[in-house]
Amino acid sequence: VQLQASGGGLVQTGGFLRLPCAASGCTFTRPIMGWFRQAPGKEREFVAAISGSGSITWYADSVKGRFTISRENAKNTVYLQMNRLKPKDTAVYYCAADSLGVLVDSPSYRYWGQGTQVTVSS
């Protein structure tokens, strides 16, 4: 399974970005998908996750109300819509697939994308 995240870039405070993550080579259907981020000098942290059907979502408190995770199973793609961005959102964002355990814990995911840089200027 390969995950390809894209859509990162430089944006001003209050701006928005949408990160798509396309999956290929899937041997299963509708896995739990998640987004994590890692800022320089910090540990990777959970951002959001979505169930296989897309009907259930989970968010970190720090992004709740600003970020929205969604998916298009027909396209094998999950999205992270990020609104009202803040400088503290600056990080490399990673998509992950197929959580086998606690979905806020990165080790529970079997597959990872390469990451896309998001930089929010003040």
N, C-alpha and C. Protein backbone atom coordinates (compact mmCIF):
# COMPACT_ATOMS: atom_id res chain seq x y z
N VAL A 1 0.85 -1.19 0.00
CA VAL A 1 0.00 0.00 0.00
C VAL A 1 0.88 1.24 0.00
N GLN A 2 0.56 2.16 -0.88
CA GLN A 2 1.30 3.41 -0.95
C GLN A 2 0.33 4.57 -0.69
N LEU A 3 0.81 5.52 0.09
CA LEU A 3 0.03 6.71 0.40
C LEU A 3 0.80 7.93 -0.10
N GLN A 4 0.13 8.79 -0.82
CA GLN A 4 0.75 9.98 -1.38
C GLN A 4 0.02 11.21 -0.88
N ALA A 5 0.65 11.92 0.04
CA ALA A 5 0.08 13.17 0.56
C ALA A 5 0.60 14.34 -0.25
N SER A 6 -0.23 15.33 -0.42
CA SER A 6 0.16 16.54 -1.15
C SER A 6 -0.64 17.72 -0.64
N GLY A 7 -0.44 18.89 -1.26
CA GLY A 7 -1.25 20.05 -0.93
C GLY A 7 -0.64 20.99 0.08
N GLY A 8 0.53 20.65 0.62
CA GLY A 8 1.16 21.53 1.59
C GLY A 8 1.69 22.79 0.92
N GLY A 9 2.10 23.73 1.76
CA GLY A 9 2.64 24.97 1.24
C GLY A 9 2.77 26.03 2.30
N LEU A 10 3.00 27.25 1.86
CA LEU A 10 3.15 28.39 2.75
C LEU A 10 1.87 29.21 2.71
N VAL A 11 1.33 29.52 3.87
CA VAL A 11 0.09 30.27 3.96
C VAL A 11 0.17 31.22 5.14
N GLN A 12 -0.55 32.32 5.05
CA GLN A 12 -0.56 33.29 6.15
C GLN A 12 -1.53 32.86 7.24
N THR A 13 -1.33 33.39 8.41
CA THR A 13 -2.24 33.15 9.53
C THR A 13 -3.67 33.48 9.12
N GLY A 14 -4.58 32.57 9.43
CA GLY A 14 -5.97 32.75 9.06
C GLY A 14 -6.33 32.14 7.73
N GLY A 15 -5.34 31.70 7.00
CA GLY A 15 -5.57 31.12 5.68
C GLY A 15 -6.02 29.67 5.77
N PHE A 16 -6.08 29.02 4.60
CA PHE A 16 -6.55 27.65 4.55
C PHE A 16 -5.76 26.85 3.54
N LEU A 17 -5.77 25.55 3.74
CA LEU A 17 -5.18 24.58 2.83
C LEU A 17 -6.01 23.32 2.86
N ARG A 18 -5.98 22.57 1.78
CA ARG A 18 -6.59 21.24 1.76
C ARG A 18 -5.53 20.24 1.34
N LEU A 19 -5.37 19.23 2.19
CA LEU A 19 -4.37 18.20 1.94
C LEU A 19 -5.07 16.93 1.48
N PRO A 20 -4.84 16.48 0.26
CA PRO A 20 -5.34 15.18 -0.16
C PRO A 20 -4.29 14.10 0.10
N CYS A 21 -4.77 12.90 0.36
CA CYS A 21 -3.88 11.75 0.49
C CYS A 21 -4.49 10.63 -0.34
N ALA A 22 -3.78 10.25 -1.39
CA ALA A 22 -4.27 9.21 -2.29
C ALA A 22 -3.62 7.88 -1.95
N ALA A 23 -4.44 6.85 -1.85
CA ALA A 23 -3.95 5.50 -1.55
C ALA A 23 -3.98 4.64 -2.80
N SER A 24 -2.98 3.81 -2.92
CA SER A 24 -2.93 2.87 -4.05
C SER A 24 -2.38 1.54 -3.57
N GLY A 25 -2.65 0.50 -4.37
CA GLY A 25 -2.16 -0.81 -4.01
C GLY A 25 -2.85 -1.41 -2.82
N CYS A 26 -4.08 -0.96 -2.55
CA CYS A 26 -4.81 -1.44 -1.38
C CYS A 26 -5.22 -2.89 -1.54
N THR A 27 -5.01 -3.64 -0.50
CA THR A 27 -5.46 -5.03 -0.49
C THR A 27 -6.68 -5.20 0.40
N PHE A 28 -7.19 -4.10 0.90
CA PHE A 28 -8.37 -4.13 1.75
C PHE A 28 -9.21 -2.93 1.37
N THR A 29 -10.38 -2.87 1.86
CA THR A 29 -11.25 -1.74 1.56
C THR A 29 -11.58 -0.98 2.83
N ARG A 30 -11.69 0.31 2.68
CA ARG A 30 -12.18 1.19 3.72
C ARG A 30 -11.48 1.06 5.08
N PRO A 31 -10.18 1.23 5.12
CA PRO A 31 -9.51 1.22 6.42
C PRO A 31 -9.73 2.54 7.15
N ILE A 32 -9.52 2.54 8.44
CA ILE A 32 -9.46 3.80 9.17
C ILE A 32 -8.26 4.58 8.63
N MET A 33 -8.47 5.87 8.36
CA MET A 33 -7.40 6.73 7.86
C MET A 33 -7.17 7.85 8.87
N GLY A 34 -5.93 8.27 8.97
CA GLY A 34 -5.61 9.32 9.93
C GLY A 34 -4.61 10.32 9.38
N TRP A 35 -4.57 11.47 10.02
CA TRP A 35 -3.57 12.49 9.74
C TRP A 35 -2.80 12.77 11.04
N PHE A 36 -1.51 12.87 10.90
CA PHE A 36 -0.63 13.24 12.00
C PHE A 36 0.24 14.39 11.53
N ARG A 37 0.90 15.04 12.48
CA ARG A 37 1.84 16.08 12.12
C ARG A 37 3.03 16.07 13.05
N GLN A 38 4.13 16.58 12.55
CA GLN A 38 5.34 16.65 13.37
C GLN A 38 6.04 17.96 13.10
N ALA A 39 6.14 18.76 14.15
CA ALA A 39 6.86 20.02 14.08
C ALA A 39 8.31 19.80 14.44
N PRO A 40 9.19 20.69 14.02
CA PRO A 40 10.62 20.52 14.32
C PRO A 40 10.87 20.40 15.82
N GLY A 41 11.62 19.38 16.20
CA GLY A 41 11.96 19.19 17.60
C GLY A 41 10.85 18.61 18.46
N LYS A 42 9.75 18.25 17.84
CA LYS A 42 8.62 17.71 18.61
C LYS A 42 8.26 16.32 18.11
N GLU A 43 7.52 15.60 18.95
CA GLU A 43 7.06 14.28 18.56
C GLU A 43 5.88 14.38 17.59
N ARG A 44 5.72 13.31 16.84
CA ARG A 44 4.58 13.24 15.93
C ARG A 44 3.30 13.20 16.76
N GLU A 45 2.30 13.98 16.35
CA GLU A 45 1.06 14.05 17.11
C GLU A 45 -0.15 13.80 16.22
N PHE A 46 -1.16 13.26 16.84
CA PHE A 46 -2.42 12.97 16.15
C PHE A 46 -3.14 14.26 15.80
N VAL A 47 -3.73 14.29 14.59
CA VAL A 47 -4.52 15.44 14.16
C VAL A 47 -5.99 15.06 13.99
N ALA A 48 -6.24 14.03 13.17
CA ALA A 48 -7.62 13.64 12.89
C ALA A 48 -7.63 12.22 12.33
N ALA A 49 -8.79 11.58 12.42
CA ALA A 49 -8.98 10.25 11.85
C ALA A 49 -10.41 10.11 11.38
N ILE A 50 -10.63 9.15 10.49
CA ILE A 50 -11.96 8.94 9.93
C ILE A 50 -12.20 7.45 9.76
N SER A 51 -13.43 7.05 10.04
CA SER A 51 -13.79 5.64 9.91
C SER A 51 -13.86 5.23 8.44
N GLY A 52 -13.98 3.95 8.22
CA GLY A 52 -14.01 3.42 6.87
C GLY A 52 -15.15 3.96 6.03
N SER A 53 -16.30 4.13 6.63
CA SER A 53 -17.46 4.65 5.91
C SER A 53 -17.45 6.15 5.80
N GLY A 54 -16.65 6.80 6.63
CA GLY A 54 -16.62 8.26 6.67
C GLY A 54 -17.64 8.86 7.61
N SER A 55 -18.40 8.02 8.30
CA SER A 55 -19.48 8.53 9.14
C SER A 55 -19.01 8.95 10.53
N ILE A 56 -17.82 8.52 10.93
CA ILE A 56 -17.29 8.86 12.25
C ILE A 56 -15.93 9.51 12.08
N THR A 57 -15.74 10.62 12.78
CA THR A 57 -14.47 11.32 12.72
C THR A 57 -13.99 11.62 14.14
N TRP A 58 -12.68 11.77 14.26
CA TRP A 58 -12.06 12.11 15.52
C TRP A 58 -11.06 13.23 15.28
N TYR A 59 -10.93 14.15 16.25
CA TYR A 59 -10.04 15.28 16.10
C TYR A 59 -9.26 15.53 17.39
N ALA A 60 -8.05 16.01 17.22
CA ALA A 60 -7.32 16.53 18.36
C ALA A 60 -7.98 17.83 18.81
N ASP A 61 -7.94 18.09 20.09
CA ASP A 61 -8.57 19.31 20.62
C ASP A 61 -8.00 20.56 19.96
N SER A 62 -6.73 20.51 19.60
CA SER A 62 -6.06 21.70 19.06
C SER A 62 -6.57 22.10 17.68
N VAL A 63 -7.24 21.18 16.98
CA VAL A 63 -7.71 21.49 15.63
C VAL A 63 -9.23 21.42 15.50
N LYS A 64 -9.89 20.99 16.56
CA LYS A 64 -11.34 20.83 16.51
C LYS A 64 -12.01 22.16 16.18
N GLY A 65 -12.92 22.12 15.23
CA GLY A 65 -13.61 23.33 14.81
C GLY A 65 -12.91 24.09 13.69
N ARG A 66 -11.66 23.73 13.40
CA ARG A 66 -10.91 24.40 12.33
C ARG A 66 -10.57 23.44 11.19
N PHE A 67 -10.31 22.18 11.52
CA PHE A 67 -9.93 21.18 10.52
C PHE A 67 -11.09 20.21 10.31
N THR A 68 -11.19 19.71 9.09
CA THR A 68 -12.21 18.71 8.76
C THR A 68 -11.57 17.60 7.95
N ILE A 69 -11.75 16.37 8.41
CA ILE A 69 -11.28 15.22 7.66
C ILE A 69 -12.45 14.60 6.91
N SER A 70 -12.20 14.17 5.69
CA SER A 70 -13.25 13.55 4.88
C SER A 70 -12.58 12.54 3.95
N ARG A 71 -13.41 11.76 3.28
CA ARG A 71 -12.85 10.76 2.37
C ARG A 71 -13.78 10.50 1.19
N GLU A 72 -13.18 10.12 0.09
CA GLU A 72 -13.91 9.66 -1.10
C GLU A 72 -13.41 8.26 -1.39
N ASN A 73 -14.16 7.26 -0.95
CA ASN A 73 -13.71 5.89 -1.11
C ASN A 73 -13.61 5.47 -2.58
N ALA A 74 -14.44 6.05 -3.41
CA ALA A 74 -14.38 5.72 -4.83
C ALA A 74 -13.04 6.14 -5.45
N LYS A 75 -12.41 7.14 -4.85
CA LYS A 75 -11.12 7.63 -5.33
C LYS A 75 -9.97 7.20 -4.43
N ASN A 76 -10.28 6.42 -3.38
CA ASN A 76 -9.24 6.00 -2.43
C ASN A 76 -8.46 7.20 -1.89
N THR A 77 -9.17 8.26 -1.57
CA THR A 77 -8.53 9.50 -1.15
C THR A 77 -9.16 10.02 0.12
N VAL A 78 -8.31 10.47 1.03
CA VAL A 78 -8.76 11.14 2.24
C VAL A 78 -8.25 12.57 2.20
N TYR A 79 -9.02 13.49 2.75
CA TYR A 79 -8.69 14.91 2.71
C TYR A 79 -8.61 15.47 4.12
N LEU A 80 -7.77 16.48 4.27
CA LEU A 80 -7.75 17.26 5.51
C LEU A 80 -7.92 18.73 5.10
N GLN A 81 -9.09 19.26 5.37
CA GLN A 81 -9.35 20.67 5.12
C GLN A 81 -8.94 21.44 6.36
N MET A 82 -8.02 22.37 6.19
CA MET A 82 -7.49 23.12 7.32
C MET A 82 -7.85 24.59 7.14
N ASN A 83 -8.68 25.10 8.03
CA ASN A 83 -9.11 26.50 7.99
C ASN A 83 -8.57 27.25 9.19
N ARG A 84 -8.57 28.56 9.08
CA ARG A 84 -8.11 29.45 10.17
C ARG A 84 -6.76 28.97 10.71
N LEU A 85 -5.83 28.79 9.82
CA LEU A 85 -4.53 28.26 10.20
C LEU A 85 -3.78 29.23 11.10
N LYS A 86 -2.98 28.64 12.00
CA LYS A 86 -2.19 29.40 12.96
C LYS A 86 -0.72 28.99 12.81
N PRO A 87 0.18 29.86 13.24
CA PRO A 87 1.61 29.48 13.15
C PRO A 87 1.93 28.17 13.85
N LYS A 88 1.21 27.85 14.93
CA LYS A 88 1.49 26.60 15.64
C LYS A 88 1.04 25.37 14.86
N ASP A 89 0.34 25.58 13.75
CA ASP A 89 -0.01 24.45 12.88
C ASP A 89 1.14 24.08 11.94
N THR A 90 2.19 24.87 11.94
CA THR A 90 3.34 24.58 11.08
C THR A 90 3.95 23.24 11.45
N ALA A 91 4.06 22.36 10.45
CA ALA A 91 4.57 21.01 10.68
C ALA A 91 4.61 20.26 9.36
N VAL A 92 5.22 19.10 9.38
CA VAL A 92 5.06 18.15 8.28
C VAL A 92 3.85 17.29 8.61
N TYR A 93 2.94 17.22 7.66
CA TYR A 93 1.71 16.47 7.85
C TYR A 93 1.80 15.12 7.13
N TYR A 94 1.43 14.07 7.86
CA TYR A 94 1.50 12.72 7.34
C TYR A 94 0.11 12.09 7.34
N CYS A 95 -0.19 11.37 6.29
CA CYS A 95 -1.40 10.56 6.32
C CYS A 95 -1.01 9.11 6.62
N ALA A 96 -1.93 8.40 7.24
CA ALA A 96 -1.68 7.04 7.66
C ALA A 96 -2.94 6.21 7.43
N ALA A 97 -2.74 4.91 7.26
CA ALA A 97 -3.87 4.04 6.97
C ALA A 97 -3.84 2.78 7.81
N ASP A 98 -5.04 2.29 8.09
CA ASP A 98 -5.24 0.98 8.69
C ASP A 98 -4.76 0.92 10.14
N SER A 99 -5.46 1.64 11.00
CA SER A 99 -5.15 1.56 12.42
C SER A 99 -5.64 0.23 12.97
N LEU A 100 -4.75 -0.43 13.68
CA LEU A 100 -5.09 -1.73 14.27
C LEU A 100 -5.29 -1.63 15.78
N GLY A 101 -5.16 -0.41 16.31
CA GLY A 101 -5.28 -0.25 17.75
C GLY A 101 -5.87 1.09 18.11
N VAL A 102 -5.22 1.78 19.01
CA VAL A 102 -5.69 3.10 19.44
C VAL A 102 -5.39 4.09 18.32
N LEU A 103 -6.42 4.67 17.73
CA LEU A 103 -6.21 5.42 16.50
C LEU A 103 -5.51 6.75 16.69
N VAL A 104 -5.37 7.22 17.92
CA VAL A 104 -4.62 8.45 18.15
C VAL A 104 -3.13 8.16 18.33
N ASP A 105 -2.76 6.90 18.35
CA ASP A 105 -1.37 6.50 18.52
C ASP A 105 -0.76 6.14 17.18
N SER A 106 0.29 6.81 16.79
CA SER A 106 0.88 6.57 15.47
C SER A 106 1.35 5.13 15.27
N PRO A 107 1.88 4.44 16.27
CA PRO A 107 2.34 3.05 16.03
C PRO A 107 1.22 2.10 15.64
N SER A 108 -0.03 2.50 15.83
CA SER A 108 -1.12 1.59 15.51
C SER A 108 -1.41 1.52 14.01
N TYR A 109 -0.84 2.45 13.23
CA TYR A 109 -1.12 2.49 11.80
C TYR A 109 -0.07 1.68 11.03
N ARG A 110 -0.56 0.94 10.07
CA ARG A 110 0.33 0.06 9.31
C ARG A 110 1.04 0.76 8.17
N TYR A 111 0.40 1.76 7.59
CA TYR A 111 0.94 2.38 6.37
C TYR A 111 1.02 3.90 6.54
N TRP A 112 2.09 4.47 5.97
CA TRP A 112 2.34 5.90 6.10
C TRP A 112 2.71 6.50 4.76
N GLY A 113 2.29 7.75 4.57
CA GLY A 113 2.74 8.53 3.42
C GLY A 113 4.04 9.24 3.74
N GLN A 114 4.55 9.98 2.78
CA GLN A 114 5.87 10.58 2.92
C GLN A 114 5.84 11.94 3.62
N GLY A 115 4.68 12.53 3.81
CA GLY A 115 4.57 13.81 4.48
C GLY A 115 4.58 14.99 3.52
N THR A 116 3.89 16.03 3.92
CA THR A 116 3.86 17.27 3.15
C THR A 116 4.00 18.44 4.11
N GLN A 117 4.84 19.40 3.76
CA GLN A 117 5.16 20.51 4.67
C GLN A 117 4.08 21.58 4.61
N VAL A 118 3.62 21.98 5.78
CA VAL A 118 2.70 23.10 5.92
C VAL A 118 3.39 24.16 6.77
N THR A 119 3.49 25.36 6.25
CA THR A 119 4.11 26.46 6.98
C THR A 119 3.13 27.62 7.04
N VAL A 120 2.86 28.07 8.26
CA VAL A 120 1.93 29.17 8.47
C VAL A 120 2.72 30.36 9.00
N SER A 121 2.73 31.43 8.25
CA SER A 121 3.48 32.61 8.65
C SER A 121 2.61 33.55 9.47
N SER A 122 3.26 34.25 10.39
CA SER A 122 2.51 35.16 11.27
C SER A 122 2.42 36.55 10.66
